[in-house]
Amino acid sequence: MTGPAEAPTAVRHAEEVMGTVFSIDVRGGEPDAVRAALAEAVAGLHRVDALFSTYREGSEVCRLARGELTVADCAPEMAEVLDLAAEAERVSEGWFSPRYQGSLDPTGIVKGWSAERAARLLAEVEGVCGVSVNGGGDVQLLGAPERERPWRVGVADPLRPGGLAAVISTTGVDELSVATSGTAERGAHIVDPHTGRPAVTDLVAVTVVGPCLTWVDCWATAAFAMGSRAGLAWLESLPDVEALLITAGDEVRCTGGLAARLG
C-alpha cells in the first residue's frame, strides 16, 4: 500500500511506432510487473502497425484491400477494427470513413484504438493507479497519477505555436481521452468522405474529449470535415463528449459541458 505522503512509483517509456511516438506513463504497481506489461503493450502496438500499415504491401489490410484475403483469413484484430470503423461511420453519418479513394483504409481509427487498448492492458496490473498513453498527441488517461491529483493535458493552440488553447483535467472521472484533428501539424490531410477531396472548412482544429480514445479520435476527424457549425451541433448531440473548435478566424467554439473538463 502507498502511504499518505508517498508518491506512486512511475514507469515511463517512449516508443517509435506507426510513424509517430507513443509516450507511456504508468503510476503505481510493482515495477517489474509494470515493465512486463509494458513490453506486452509495446509489442501489441508493433503488431497492430504490421497488420494495418497501408505502407507495407504485405500487411493484412493491404492484402484485404486487394482481395487476396477475407476478413476471416485475417488476425482477429482486423474484424474488431472494421466493426468499430463501421459503427463510427454510422454514428457520424458518413463523415468518418474507413476508406480512402475507394480503397479500404481504416487507419483513421487504428491509432486511437491501439493507444486505448495499450492503456487498458497496463491498467490491469495490480497496484497501478494511473496510466497515460499519448499516441502522437492523442491521449488515453485512466485513473490518476497520485492521490487527489488529476492527469492534465495541454491542448496546443493551432494559431500560436508554443501556446495552449486549453488544459484538460481528469478531475472527477476515472477515464478520459483527448484527441485533436486539424491542419496545423500535417496540413490539409483530412478528407471529406463525400467528395474524396481534402476537407475545406472554416476550422483549423477540433479537440474532442470523452472516455474512450477510440471514439473521440474518430469524432474529431469527422467534426473537422463537417465544419464548425455542423460539427459543433453534432458533437453536442453525442453522449459523454465535449469539444473545443477553433476557426481560421481565431474564433473559439465549445460544447456546453466543456468547462467542467478544464483545469
Protein backbone atom coordinates (compact mmCIF):
# COMPACT_ATOMS: atom_id res chain seq x y z
CA MET A 1 0.00 0.00 0.00
CA THR A 2 1.16 3.52 -0.73
CA GLY A 3 1.44 5.76 2.31
CA PRO A 4 -0.41 9.09 2.51
CA ALA A 5 2.66 11.17 1.60
CA GLU A 6 4.33 8.64 -0.66
CA ALA A 7 4.02 9.21 -4.40
CA PRO A 8 3.38 6.10 -6.51
CA THR A 9 6.31 4.75 -8.49
CA ALA A 10 6.44 5.87 -12.11
CA VAL A 11 7.48 3.80 -15.12
CA ARG A 12 7.80 5.81 -18.34
CA HIS A 13 8.60 4.75 -21.87
CA ALA A 14 8.65 6.27 -25.37
CA GLU A 15 8.26 4.05 -28.44
CA GLU A 16 8.52 4.97 -32.12
CA VAL A 17 5.78 3.13 -33.98
CA MET A 18 3.06 3.88 -36.55
CA GLY A 19 5.07 6.82 -37.85
CA THR A 20 4.88 8.67 -34.54
CA VAL A 21 5.98 8.40 -30.90
CA PHE A 22 3.86 6.75 -28.22
CA SER A 23 4.67 8.15 -24.76
CA ILE A 24 3.57 5.90 -21.91
CA ASP A 25 3.43 6.81 -18.20
CA VAL A 26 2.33 4.23 -15.61
CA ARG A 27 1.92 5.10 -11.91
CA GLY A 28 1.89 2.55 -9.10
CA GLY A 29 2.21 -1.20 -9.24
CA GLU A 30 5.28 -3.37 -8.75
CA PRO A 31 7.88 -2.06 -11.25
CA ASP A 32 8.85 -5.46 -12.67
CA ALA A 33 5.20 -6.37 -13.26
CA VAL A 34 4.60 -2.99 -14.87
CA ARG A 35 7.63 -3.40 -17.15
CA ALA A 36 6.44 -6.85 -18.21
CA ALA A 37 3.02 -5.45 -19.10
CA LEU A 38 4.70 -2.52 -20.83
CA ALA A 39 6.71 -4.91 -23.02
CA GLU A 40 3.45 -6.67 -23.94
CA ALA A 41 1.73 -3.36 -24.71
CA VAL A 42 4.60 -2.17 -26.91
CA ALA A 43 4.68 -5.49 -28.76
CA GLY A 44 0.94 -5.05 -29.33
CA LEU A 45 1.49 -1.62 -30.88
CA HIS A 46 4.04 -3.03 -33.31
CA ARG A 47 1.73 -5.94 -34.14
CA VAL A 48 -1.08 -3.51 -34.97
CA ASP A 49 1.31 -1.48 -37.11
CA ALA A 50 2.30 -4.60 -39.06
CA LEU A 51 -1.34 -5.61 -39.57
CA PHE A 52 -2.78 -2.23 -40.54
CA SER A 53 0.03 -0.30 -42.22
CA THR A 54 -1.04 0.92 -45.65
CA TYR A 55 2.64 1.49 -46.47
CA ARG A 56 3.53 -2.21 -46.32
CA GLU A 57 2.46 -4.15 -49.40
CA GLY A 58 2.31 -7.37 -47.43
CA SER A 59 0.26 -6.11 -44.47
CA GLU A 60 -3.07 -7.82 -43.91
CA VAL A 61 -5.01 -4.63 -44.52
CA CYS A 62 -3.34 -4.15 -47.91
CA ARG A 63 -3.89 -7.77 -48.86
CA LEU A 64 -7.52 -7.50 -47.74
CA ALA A 65 -7.99 -4.34 -49.82
CA ARG A 66 -6.58 -6.16 -52.88
CA GLY A 67 -8.94 -9.10 -52.36
CA GLU A 68 -6.16 -11.55 -51.53
CA LEU A 69 -7.64 -12.25 -48.08
CA THR A 70 -11.06 -12.27 -46.48
CA VAL A 71 -11.70 -10.82 -43.02
CA ALA A 72 -11.98 -14.40 -41.74
CA ASP A 73 -8.45 -15.07 -43.02
CA CYS A 74 -7.03 -12.14 -41.05
CA ALA A 75 -5.97 -11.75 -37.44
CA PRO A 76 -8.93 -11.19 -35.07
CA GLU A 77 -7.95 -7.54 -34.63
CA MET A 78 -8.99 -6.90 -38.24
CA ALA A 79 -12.65 -7.79 -37.68
CA GLU A 80 -12.69 -5.83 -34.41
CA VAL A 81 -11.32 -2.67 -36.01
CA LEU A 82 -13.55 -2.90 -39.08
CA ASP A 83 -16.62 -3.33 -36.88
CA LEU A 84 -15.63 -0.26 -34.85
CA ALA A 85 -14.97 1.74 -38.02
CA ALA A 86 -18.37 0.78 -39.41
CA GLU A 87 -20.00 2.00 -36.19
CA ALA A 88 -18.07 5.27 -36.38
CA GLU A 89 -19.22 5.72 -39.96
CA ARG A 90 -22.84 5.08 -38.91
CA VAL A 91 -22.79 7.46 -35.95
CA SER A 92 -21.10 10.22 -37.98
CA GLU A 93 -23.50 9.74 -40.92
CA GLY A 94 -20.59 9.04 -43.21
CA TRP A 95 -18.31 11.90 -42.13
CA PHE A 96 -15.88 9.32 -40.78
CA SER A 97 -14.95 6.66 -43.32
CA PRO A 98 -12.73 3.54 -43.25
CA ARG A 99 -11.98 4.05 -46.93
CA TYR A 100 -9.66 6.33 -48.90
CA GLN A 101 -10.01 6.93 -52.63
CA GLY A 102 -12.34 3.95 -52.83
CA SER A 103 -9.99 1.53 -51.11
CA LEU A 104 -10.14 0.06 -47.60
CA ASP A 105 -8.13 2.22 -45.19
CA PRO A 106 -9.19 2.08 -41.51
CA THR A 107 -6.06 3.89 -40.29
CA GLY A 108 -8.20 6.80 -39.05
CA ILE A 109 -9.37 4.65 -36.15
CA VAL A 110 -6.34 2.41 -35.60
CA LYS A 111 -4.04 4.77 -33.67
CA GLY A 112 -6.65 5.79 -31.12
CA TRP A 113 -7.90 2.24 -30.70
CA SER A 114 -4.40 0.85 -30.23
CA ALA A 115 -3.43 3.54 -27.69
CA GLU A 116 -6.60 2.90 -25.70
CA ARG A 117 -6.03 -0.86 -25.83
CA ALA A 118 -2.45 -0.43 -24.55
CA ALA A 119 -3.63 1.82 -21.71
CA ARG A 120 -6.28 -0.65 -20.56
CA LEU A 121 -3.81 -3.52 -20.61
CA LEU A 122 -1.43 -1.55 -18.37
CA ALA A 123 -4.24 -0.52 -16.01
CA GLU A 124 -4.93 -4.19 -15.27
CA VAL A 125 -1.59 -4.61 -13.48
CA GLU A 126 -2.15 -4.99 -9.75
CA GLY A 127 -1.47 -1.80 -7.83
CA VAL A 128 -1.46 0.53 -10.83
CA CYS A 129 -3.35 3.72 -10.00
CA GLY A 130 -2.86 5.72 -13.19
CA VAL A 131 -1.99 5.28 -16.85
CA SER A 132 -1.35 7.81 -19.60
CA VAL A 133 -0.75 6.70 -23.19
CA ASN A 134 -0.08 9.51 -25.65
CA GLY A 135 -0.04 8.39 -29.28
CA GLY A 136 1.23 11.30 -31.34
CA GLY A 137 -0.76 13.87 -29.34
CA ASP A 138 -3.94 11.84 -28.82
CA VAL A 139 -4.14 10.70 -25.21
CA GLN A 140 -5.91 7.99 -23.20
CA LEU A 141 -5.93 8.60 -19.44
CA LEU A 142 -7.02 6.12 -16.77
CA GLY A 143 -7.04 6.61 -13.00
CA ALA A 144 -4.81 9.30 -11.56
CA PRO A 145 -1.04 9.86 -11.23
CA GLU A 146 -1.31 10.48 -7.47
CA ARG A 147 -3.96 10.66 -4.80
CA GLU A 148 -6.07 13.81 -5.22
CA ARG A 149 -4.05 14.92 -8.27
CA PRO A 150 -5.57 14.52 -11.73
CA TRP A 151 -3.93 13.97 -15.07
CA ARG A 152 -3.77 17.23 -17.07
CA VAL A 153 -3.36 17.55 -20.85
CA GLY A 154 -2.47 20.73 -22.67
CA VAL A 155 -4.26 21.42 -25.97
CA ALA A 156 -1.94 23.19 -28.42
CA ASP A 157 -3.10 26.49 -29.88
CA PRO A 158 -3.03 25.95 -33.66
CA LEU A 159 -2.69 29.67 -34.36
CA ARG A 160 0.03 30.43 -31.77
CA PRO A 161 2.90 27.93 -31.93
CA GLY A 162 4.09 27.03 -28.45
CA GLY A 163 0.90 28.31 -26.83
CA LEU A 164 -2.00 26.43 -25.28
CA ALA A 165 -5.65 26.79 -26.21
CA ALA A 166 -6.83 24.92 -23.11
CA VAL A 167 -5.81 22.46 -20.39
CA ILE A 168 -8.00 19.39 -19.91
CA SER A 169 -8.21 17.75 -16.46
CA THR A 170 -9.42 14.32 -15.33
CA THR A 171 -10.81 15.73 -12.07
CA GLY A 172 -13.85 13.69 -11.04
CA VAL A 173 -13.51 10.93 -13.66
CA ASP A 174 -11.54 7.68 -13.90
CA GLU A 175 -11.38 7.56 -17.71
CA LEU A 176 -10.73 10.43 -20.10
CA SER A 177 -9.25 10.80 -23.54
CA VAL A 178 -8.30 13.80 -25.65
CA ALA A 179 -7.90 13.82 -29.45
CA THR A 180 -7.26 16.67 -31.86
CA SER A 181 -7.68 16.85 -35.64
CA GLY A 182 -6.53 19.85 -37.62
CA THR A 183 -4.25 21.34 -40.22
CA ALA A 184 -1.55 22.92 -38.03
CA GLU A 185 0.80 19.91 -37.91
CA ARG A 186 0.14 18.00 -41.13
CA GLY A 187 -1.59 20.45 -43.44
CA ALA A 188 -4.80 19.60 -45.31
CA HIS A 189 -4.70 15.84 -44.73
CA ILE A 190 -8.31 15.33 -43.59
CA VAL A 191 -10.54 14.08 -46.40
CA ASP A 192 -14.21 14.84 -46.92
CA PRO A 193 -15.55 11.28 -47.44
CA HIS A 194 -18.42 12.61 -49.55
CA THR A 195 -16.13 14.17 -52.18
CA GLY A 196 -12.89 12.23 -51.74
CA ARG A 197 -11.01 15.54 -51.64
CA PRO A 198 -9.35 17.41 -48.73
CA ALA A 199 -11.97 18.86 -46.40
CA VAL A 200 -12.21 22.62 -46.90
CA THR A 201 -13.87 24.15 -43.83
CA ASP A 202 -13.56 27.19 -41.59
CA LEU A 203 -11.75 25.14 -38.94
CA VAL A 204 -8.07 24.81 -38.08
CA ALA A 205 -8.51 22.41 -35.16
CA VAL A 206 -11.08 20.28 -33.35
CA THR A 207 -10.29 18.78 -29.94
CA VAL A 208 -12.71 16.19 -28.59
CA VAL A 209 -12.83 14.91 -25.01
CA GLY A 210 -14.57 11.73 -23.82
CA PRO A 211 -13.96 8.44 -22.01
CA CYS A 212 -12.60 6.37 -24.91
CA LEU A 213 -9.85 7.41 -27.31
CA THR A 214 -11.11 5.02 -29.98
CA TRP A 215 -14.21 7.15 -30.40
CA VAL A 216 -13.01 10.69 -29.70
CA ASP A 217 -10.26 10.28 -32.31
CA CYS A 218 -12.92 9.42 -34.90
CA TRP A 219 -15.26 12.20 -33.74
CA ALA A 220 -12.52 14.85 -34.02
CA THR A 221 -11.82 13.83 -37.62
CA ALA A 222 -15.50 13.72 -38.56
CA ALA A 223 -16.32 17.06 -36.92
CA PHE A 224 -13.41 18.78 -38.67
CA ALA A 225 -14.70 17.58 -42.04
CA MET A 226 -18.19 18.90 -41.20
CA GLY A 227 -17.05 22.45 -40.40
CA SER A 228 -17.63 24.47 -37.23
CA ARG A 229 -21.41 24.94 -37.29
CA ALA A 230 -22.47 21.40 -38.25
CA GLY A 231 -19.56 19.86 -36.34
CA LEU A 232 -20.40 21.62 -33.08
CA ALA A 233 -24.11 20.75 -33.35
CA TRP A 234 -23.28 17.10 -33.99
CA LEU A 235 -20.76 16.88 -31.14
CA GLU A 236 -23.33 18.43 -28.77
CA SER A 237 -25.67 15.54 -29.65
CA LEU A 238 -23.21 12.83 -28.59
CA PRO A 239 -23.34 11.47 -25.02
CA ASP A 240 -20.31 11.96 -22.72
CA VAL A 241 -18.50 14.07 -25.32
CA GLU A 242 -17.19 17.63 -25.07
CA ALA A 243 -15.21 19.60 -27.62
CA LEU A 244 -13.25 22.73 -28.45
CA LEU A 245 -13.31 24.03 -32.04
CA ILE A 246 -11.02 26.77 -33.34
CA THR A 247 -11.65 28.51 -36.65
CA ALA A 248 -9.16 30.07 -39.04
CA GLY A 249 -10.55 33.43 -37.91
CA ASP A 250 -9.45 32.68 -34.32
CA GLU A 251 -12.99 32.07 -33.12
CA VAL A 252 -13.31 29.50 -30.32
CA ARG A 253 -16.47 27.42 -30.08
CA CYS A 254 -17.16 24.91 -27.30
CA THR A 255 -19.76 22.36 -26.33
CA GLY A 256 -21.87 23.28 -23.34
CA GLY A 257 -20.17 21.00 -20.83
CA LEU A 258 -16.52 21.60 -21.73
CA ALA A 259 -15.95 23.97 -18.81
CA ALA A 260 -16.26 21.05 -16.37
CA ARG A 261 -13.27 19.38 -18.04
CA LEU A 262 -10.96 22.42 -17.99
CA GLY A 263 -8.29 22.75 -15.37
